[in-house]
Amino acid sequence: MPSALPDGEPVPESGALPPEALAGREDRPLGFYLHVPYCATRCGYCDFNTYTAGELRGAGGVLASRENYAATLTDEIRLARKVLGDDPRPVETVFVGGGTPTLLPAGDLARMLSAVRDEFGLAPGAEVTTEANPESVDARYLAELRAAGFNRISFGMQSARAHVLEVLDRTHTPGRPQACVKEARAAGFTHVNLDLIYGTPGETDDDWRASLDAALAASPDHVSAYALIVEEGTQLARRIRRGEVPMTDDDVHADRYLIADETLTAAGLTWYEVSNWAAANDPSAPCRHNELYWTGADWWGGGPGAHSHVGGVRWWNVKHPAAYAQALAGGRSPGAGREVLGPEDRRVERILLELRLEAGCPLDLLAPDGASAARRALADGLLEAGPYERGRAVLTLRGRLLADAVVRDLVD
């Protein structure tokens, strides 16, 4: 794994990057991730850097308010222009995530996108995405987003079963995410994703099949399906520890993944990353922004706690919205720490990330021990034989079930 102190090294107040980070940048795509840290309520499984109104009350006052947030984030986008200087690249992708970005007025999201467009320009055909909670949008809101230039939207569906949503502390009603897909299509969105979670305590195979069927009935061109990870410090972890709900084991997760792959593939979607499926007949359906992450491109992460990467330098912002706003108001970078990745760090990261993709990773990235592990993985049916002969490590379906273990072996 990349070597760095737990908190990295300090970020200069100006945010300046080492010259070598900008070398060769014209050959790398550039994207922007814009983090909106606000939620109406906290889901029991979530450990993201998000805050409810009650959590911010008295802990930052006006600096942390949603009303000022678009202006504050715009200040960081202007800082990005200063740091990156006369960057020749237009922005290929913009992804607004959270939290719940759609708790902000549509005009605020439009203002943030306009700042990126004004400072850097958007490439022709740029992918512009926002995440959305199904209960936080309506047809008019979606039409405003589309008019502002958003062309891709991702709705958090999680499950079609009310009792599963209750365990997750999700507030939307079953059926609302599917209705949102139709509203987004009517507004002119080119690409629509539904996020699903499997392995929730109390969920059955039939519940999971029902969720997949309900999602597919809405005809999204992209579905993300993630195994539930119970993070320490969350409400769900505390409930499991108290014995209120059972912990789901790895075998159940594996079974649910197989159900997902079979169902989604039969519906005309194909996997392009371990947890993501896109319309097989549309090469533009995969999320290009996430592909930037998985292929080591450049992206600037704006917002509290957001992470960035440019030319082998990775940094992260302070987490609290008030501290974030205070830094920018004082003309300082909100960066909390950074690490400079050496050649070995970058080699390892390529294996970690690219192996999760349908295209896999080049075998020549592997050290001798990793190459031996790859031969064993091939013999064990974890890597595809055809791509292996062409010099690439590509996971089989069984390999995807054991992806983390395969990655560890190939890295070691």
Foldseek 3Di string as FASTA:
>chain_A
DFDADPQAAAQFQLNADDPLLLPPQVVFAEAAEEEDQEACDDWQQDPDLHDYPVRCVVPQPPLQDLVCVLVLLLLVLVSVCVRNDPDPHQHQEYEYEYRAPLVHQLVSVLSNVVSSCVSGNYDVVRAYEYEHELVSDDLVRLLSNVVSPHQEYEYEPAFQDPVLCVLRVRDDHRPSVLVVLVSNVVSPRPAYEYEYEPQRFPDDLVRLLVRLVSVVVSPGQKYFYYYRDRDPPGNSVVCCVVVVTDGGDLVRVLVSLVVNQVSQVVSQWHAFFLGMTGHPVDPPHDDVVVVCVLQVGWYHYTDAQTWTGGRQKIWTFHRRSSLSSVSSVVVTHRTRHIHGGDPLNVLLSNQLRQQRGQLAAFQVSFDPQLNVLLVVCVVVQQFDPPVVVVGGGHGDSVVSSVVVVNSVRNSD
